[in-house]
Amino acid sequence: MEYHDNGNVKKEVNYVGGVKHGEYKVYHRNGNICAEGNFVNGKREGKHTHYFVTGGKYREIQYENDAITRGYREWTYAHEKIREYDDLCLRGLQSKL
């Protein structure tokens, strides 16, 4: 576990054999969640969610074996969905994340 200089938790990450494995959570300095998701043998797996410092959802990405699958969504600071990609549009997005 890592901590911010103010004592709040910064990061909770599990490692197995030096490789990320299992759930992870990253926190903003104010204690609100920043990101959460899951790793399997060092590769992103399942839904990974990122949040604004105020706590609202910013981005949601589905991964399978470290590749984006089944969609990508983004929201504005005012909680309005601004982007959503389906499976057909993800090929070009892979290299940008």
N, C-alpha and C. Protein backbone atom coordinates (compact mmCIF):
# COMPACT_ATOMS: atom_id res chain seq x y z
N MET A 1 0.84 -1.17 0.00
CA MET A 1 0.00 0.00 0.00
C MET A 1 0.89 1.24 0.00
N GLU A 2 0.52 2.22 -0.80
CA GLU A 2 1.24 3.50 -0.85
C GLU A 2 0.35 4.59 -0.29
N TYR A 3 1.00 5.67 0.22
CA TYR A 3 0.26 6.76 0.84
C TYR A 3 0.67 8.11 0.26
N HIS A 4 -0.30 9.03 0.20
CA HIS A 4 -0.01 10.42 -0.15
C HIS A 4 0.73 11.07 1.02
N ASP A 5 1.36 12.21 0.79
CA ASP A 5 2.09 12.88 1.86
C ASP A 5 1.19 13.38 2.99
N ASN A 6 -0.14 13.43 2.75
CA ASN A 6 -1.07 13.84 3.80
C ASN A 6 -1.57 12.65 4.63
N GLY A 7 -1.07 11.46 4.33
CA GLY A 7 -1.43 10.26 5.08
C GLY A 7 -2.56 9.45 4.47
N ASN A 8 -3.28 10.01 3.51
CA ASN A 8 -4.35 9.26 2.85
C ASN A 8 -3.77 8.18 1.94
N VAL A 9 -4.50 7.10 1.82
CA VAL A 9 -4.07 6.00 0.94
C VAL A 9 -3.99 6.51 -0.49
N LYS A 10 -2.91 6.15 -1.17
CA LYS A 10 -2.71 6.53 -2.57
C LYS A 10 -3.02 5.37 -3.50
N LYS A 11 -2.57 4.16 -3.13
CA LYS A 11 -2.68 3.03 -4.05
C LYS A 11 -2.75 1.72 -3.27
N GLU A 12 -3.68 0.86 -3.69
CA GLU A 12 -3.77 -0.50 -3.17
C GLU A 12 -3.65 -1.44 -4.36
N VAL A 13 -2.56 -2.16 -4.42
CA VAL A 13 -2.30 -3.05 -5.55
C VAL A 13 -1.79 -4.37 -5.01
N ASN A 14 -2.31 -5.47 -5.52
CA ASN A 14 -1.82 -6.80 -5.13
C ASN A 14 -0.80 -7.29 -6.15
N TYR A 15 0.22 -7.93 -5.65
CA TYR A 15 1.25 -8.52 -6.51
C TYR A 15 1.41 -9.99 -6.18
N VAL A 16 1.60 -10.81 -7.19
CA VAL A 16 1.92 -12.21 -7.04
C VAL A 16 3.17 -12.46 -7.86
N GLY A 17 4.24 -12.82 -7.22
CA GLY A 17 5.51 -13.04 -7.93
C GLY A 17 6.01 -11.79 -8.61
N GLY A 18 5.75 -10.63 -8.02
CA GLY A 18 6.21 -9.36 -8.58
C GLY A 18 5.36 -8.82 -9.72
N VAL A 19 4.22 -9.47 -9.99
CA VAL A 19 3.34 -9.08 -11.09
C VAL A 19 1.97 -8.68 -10.51
N LYS A 20 1.38 -7.61 -11.03
CA LYS A 20 0.06 -7.20 -10.57
C LYS A 20 -0.94 -8.32 -10.82
N HIS A 21 -1.71 -8.62 -9.75
CA HIS A 21 -2.70 -9.68 -9.86
C HIS A 21 -3.81 -9.43 -8.84
N GLY A 22 -5.03 -9.30 -9.33
CA GLY A 22 -6.17 -9.05 -8.46
C GLY A 22 -6.63 -7.61 -8.56
N GLU A 23 -7.51 -7.23 -7.63
CA GLU A 23 -8.07 -5.89 -7.65
C GLU A 23 -7.03 -4.83 -7.32
N TYR A 24 -7.22 -3.65 -7.91
CA TYR A 24 -6.38 -2.50 -7.55
C TYR A 24 -7.28 -1.29 -7.39
N LYS A 25 -6.84 -0.37 -6.55
CA LYS A 25 -7.53 0.91 -6.37
C LYS A 25 -6.48 1.98 -6.21
N VAL A 26 -6.73 3.12 -6.86
CA VAL A 26 -5.88 4.29 -6.76
C VAL A 26 -6.77 5.42 -6.27
N TYR A 27 -6.24 6.25 -5.34
CA TYR A 27 -7.04 7.29 -4.74
C TYR A 27 -6.45 8.67 -5.01
N HIS A 28 -7.36 9.65 -5.17
CA HIS A 28 -6.93 11.04 -5.25
C HIS A 28 -6.40 11.46 -3.88
N ARG A 29 -5.67 12.53 -3.84
CA ARG A 29 -5.08 13.04 -2.60
C ARG A 29 -6.15 13.33 -1.54
N ASN A 30 -7.36 13.72 -1.99
CA ASN A 30 -8.44 14.03 -1.05
C ASN A 30 -9.13 12.78 -0.49
N GLY A 31 -8.70 11.59 -0.92
CA GLY A 31 -9.26 10.34 -0.42
C GLY A 31 -10.30 9.72 -1.32
N ASN A 32 -10.81 10.47 -2.28
CA ASN A 32 -11.79 9.91 -3.23
C ASN A 32 -11.10 8.94 -4.18
N ILE A 33 -11.86 7.94 -4.61
CA ILE A 33 -11.31 6.96 -5.55
C ILE A 33 -10.95 7.64 -6.88
N CYS A 34 -9.81 7.25 -7.42
CA CYS A 34 -9.31 7.78 -8.70
C CYS A 34 -9.50 6.74 -9.80
N ALA A 35 -9.19 5.48 -9.50
CA ALA A 35 -9.30 4.41 -10.49
C ALA A 35 -9.43 3.08 -9.77
N GLU A 36 -10.09 2.15 -10.43
CA GLU A 36 -10.20 0.79 -9.88
C GLU A 36 -10.37 -0.19 -11.02
N GLY A 37 -9.90 -1.39 -10.79
CA GLY A 37 -10.01 -2.43 -11.80
C GLY A 37 -9.38 -3.71 -11.31
N ASN A 38 -9.03 -4.57 -12.26
CA ASN A 38 -8.52 -5.89 -11.93
C ASN A 38 -7.38 -6.26 -12.89
N PHE A 39 -6.39 -6.95 -12.35
CA PHE A 39 -5.29 -7.49 -13.16
C PHE A 39 -5.25 -9.00 -13.00
N VAL A 40 -4.92 -9.68 -14.07
CA VAL A 40 -4.69 -11.12 -14.04
C VAL A 40 -3.32 -11.36 -14.66
N ASN A 41 -2.39 -11.81 -13.84
CA ASN A 41 -1.01 -12.05 -14.30
C ASN A 41 -0.42 -10.83 -15.01
N GLY A 42 -0.64 -9.65 -14.44
CA GLY A 42 -0.05 -8.43 -14.98
C GLY A 42 -0.81 -7.78 -16.12
N LYS A 43 -1.92 -8.37 -16.52
CA LYS A 43 -2.70 -7.83 -17.63
C LYS A 43 -4.05 -7.35 -17.14
N ARG A 44 -4.50 -6.21 -17.68
CA ARG A 44 -5.81 -5.68 -17.31
C ARG A 44 -6.91 -6.63 -17.76
N GLU A 45 -7.89 -6.82 -16.87
CA GLU A 45 -8.98 -7.75 -17.14
C GLU A 45 -10.27 -7.20 -16.54
N GLY A 46 -11.35 -7.22 -17.33
CA GLY A 46 -12.64 -6.76 -16.83
C GLY A 46 -12.77 -5.24 -16.89
N LYS A 47 -13.72 -4.73 -16.12
CA LYS A 47 -14.02 -3.30 -16.14
C LYS A 47 -13.02 -2.51 -15.31
N HIS A 48 -12.47 -1.46 -15.93
CA HIS A 48 -11.58 -0.51 -15.24
C HIS A 48 -12.27 0.84 -15.28
N THR A 49 -12.42 1.47 -14.12
CA THR A 49 -13.15 2.72 -14.02
C THR A 49 -12.25 3.80 -13.45
N HIS A 50 -12.32 5.00 -14.04
CA HIS A 50 -11.55 6.16 -13.59
C HIS A 50 -12.54 7.24 -13.15
N TYR A 51 -12.15 8.01 -12.13
CA TYR A 51 -13.06 8.99 -11.54
C TYR A 51 -12.42 10.38 -11.46
N PHE A 52 -13.27 11.40 -11.56
CA PHE A 52 -12.83 12.77 -11.30
C PHE A 52 -12.50 12.92 -9.81
N VAL A 53 -11.73 13.92 -9.46
CA VAL A 53 -11.35 14.16 -8.07
C VAL A 53 -12.58 14.37 -7.18
N THR A 54 -13.67 14.83 -7.76
CA THR A 54 -14.91 15.05 -7.01
C THR A 54 -15.71 13.77 -6.78
N GLY A 55 -15.31 12.69 -7.45
CA GLY A 55 -15.96 11.40 -7.25
C GLY A 55 -16.81 10.93 -8.41
N GLY A 56 -17.14 11.80 -9.35
CA GLY A 56 -17.93 11.40 -10.51
C GLY A 56 -17.13 10.52 -11.46
N LYS A 57 -17.83 9.64 -12.15
CA LYS A 57 -17.19 8.73 -13.10
C LYS A 57 -16.66 9.50 -14.29
N TYR A 58 -15.43 9.21 -14.70
CA TYR A 58 -14.79 9.87 -15.84
C TYR A 58 -14.72 8.93 -17.05
N ARG A 59 -14.25 7.70 -16.81
CA ARG A 59 -14.02 6.78 -17.92
C ARG A 59 -14.25 5.35 -17.45
N GLU A 60 -14.81 4.54 -18.34
CA GLU A 60 -15.02 3.13 -18.06
C GLU A 60 -14.57 2.34 -19.28
N ILE A 61 -13.69 1.39 -19.05
CA ILE A 61 -13.11 0.61 -20.15
C ILE A 61 -13.19 -0.87 -19.80
N GLN A 62 -13.59 -1.69 -20.76
CA GLN A 62 -13.62 -3.14 -20.58
C GLN A 62 -12.37 -3.74 -21.22
N TYR A 63 -11.68 -4.57 -20.46
CA TYR A 63 -10.47 -5.24 -20.96
C TYR A 63 -10.61 -6.74 -20.93
N GLU A 64 -9.96 -7.37 -21.88
CA GLU A 64 -9.79 -8.82 -21.86
C GLU A 64 -8.36 -9.10 -22.30
N ASN A 65 -7.58 -9.70 -21.41
CA ASN A 65 -6.18 -10.01 -21.70
C ASN A 65 -5.42 -8.77 -22.14
N ASP A 66 -5.64 -7.64 -21.45
CA ASP A 66 -4.96 -6.36 -21.65
C ASP A 66 -5.36 -5.62 -22.92
N ALA A 67 -6.43 -6.09 -23.60
CA ALA A 67 -6.93 -5.42 -24.80
C ALA A 67 -8.34 -4.91 -24.52
N ILE A 68 -8.68 -3.75 -25.05
CA ILE A 68 -10.01 -3.18 -24.85
C ILE A 68 -11.04 -4.02 -25.62
N THR A 69 -12.11 -4.37 -24.92
CA THR A 69 -13.20 -5.13 -25.54
C THR A 69 -14.52 -4.59 -25.06
N ARG A 70 -15.56 -4.86 -25.79
CA ARG A 70 -16.94 -4.56 -25.39
C ARG A 70 -17.19 -3.13 -24.95
N GLY A 71 -16.39 -2.19 -25.36
CA GLY A 71 -16.76 -0.81 -25.14
C GLY A 71 -15.83 0.05 -24.31
N TYR A 72 -16.03 1.32 -24.51
CA TYR A 72 -15.28 2.39 -23.87
C TYR A 72 -16.24 3.55 -23.71
N ARG A 73 -16.32 4.11 -22.50
CA ARG A 73 -17.23 5.22 -22.25
C ARG A 73 -16.53 6.32 -21.48
N GLU A 74 -16.89 7.58 -21.79
CA GLU A 74 -16.36 8.74 -21.08
C GLU A 74 -17.50 9.66 -20.70
N TRP A 75 -17.33 10.35 -19.58
CA TRP A 75 -18.31 11.31 -19.10
C TRP A 75 -17.66 12.66 -18.87
N THR A 76 -18.46 13.72 -18.93
CA THR A 76 -17.96 15.06 -18.61
C THR A 76 -17.96 15.23 -17.09
N TYR A 77 -17.38 16.32 -16.66
CA TYR A 77 -17.35 16.66 -15.25
C TYR A 77 -18.77 16.80 -14.70
N ALA A 78 -19.72 17.15 -15.56
CA ALA A 78 -21.13 17.32 -15.16
C ALA A 78 -21.92 16.01 -15.30
N HIS A 79 -21.23 14.88 -15.44
CA HIS A 79 -21.81 13.54 -15.50
C HIS A 79 -22.61 13.27 -16.76
N GLU A 80 -22.31 13.97 -17.85
CA GLU A 80 -22.96 13.70 -19.12
C GLU A 80 -22.06 12.80 -19.95
N LYS A 81 -22.64 11.75 -20.51
CA LYS A 81 -21.85 10.84 -21.34
C LYS A 81 -21.48 11.57 -22.62
N ILE A 82 -20.18 11.58 -22.96
CA ILE A 82 -19.74 12.29 -24.16
C ILE A 82 -19.18 11.37 -25.23
N ARG A 83 -18.71 10.20 -24.84
CA ARG A 83 -18.15 9.27 -25.82
C ARG A 83 -18.54 7.85 -25.46
N GLU A 84 -18.84 7.09 -26.48
CA GLU A 84 -19.11 5.68 -26.28
C GLU A 84 -18.74 4.96 -27.57
N TYR A 85 -17.85 4.01 -27.47
CA TYR A 85 -17.39 3.25 -28.64
C TYR A 85 -17.84 1.81 -28.49
N ASP A 86 -18.31 1.24 -29.58
CA ASP A 86 -18.64 -0.17 -29.55
C ASP A 86 -17.45 -0.98 -30.06
N ASP A 87 -17.62 -2.26 -30.18
CA ASP A 87 -16.52 -3.14 -30.57
C ASP A 87 -15.90 -2.78 -31.91
N LEU A 88 -16.69 -2.28 -32.85
CA LEU A 88 -16.19 -2.00 -34.19
C LEU A 88 -15.27 -0.78 -34.23
N CYS A 89 -15.39 0.12 -33.27
CA CYS A 89 -14.62 1.37 -33.28
C CYS A 89 -13.38 1.30 -32.40
N LEU A 90 -13.13 0.21 -31.75
CA LEU A 90 -12.08 0.16 -30.74
C LEU A 90 -10.68 -0.04 -31.29
N ARG A 91 -10.55 -0.53 -32.49
CA ARG A 91 -9.20 -0.82 -33.01
C ARG A 91 -8.30 0.40 -32.99
N GLY A 92 -8.78 1.55 -33.43
CA GLY A 92 -7.99 2.76 -33.45
C GLY A 92 -7.78 3.36 -32.08
N LEU A 93 -8.63 3.05 -31.14
CA LEU A 93 -8.54 3.58 -29.79
C LEU A 93 -7.48 2.86 -28.96
N GLN A 94 -7.21 1.60 -29.26
CA GLN A 94 -6.28 0.78 -28.48
C GLN A 94 -4.94 1.50 -28.25
N SER A 95 -4.36 2.04 -29.27
CA SER A 95 -3.02 2.61 -29.17
C SER A 95 -3.02 3.96 -28.46
N LYS A 96 -4.18 4.58 -28.27
CA LYS A 96 -4.25 5.89 -27.65
C LYS A 96 -4.32 5.82 -26.12
N LEU A 97 -4.63 4.65 -25.56
CA LEU A 97 -4.78 4.51 -24.11
C LEU A 97 -3.61 3.83 -23.47
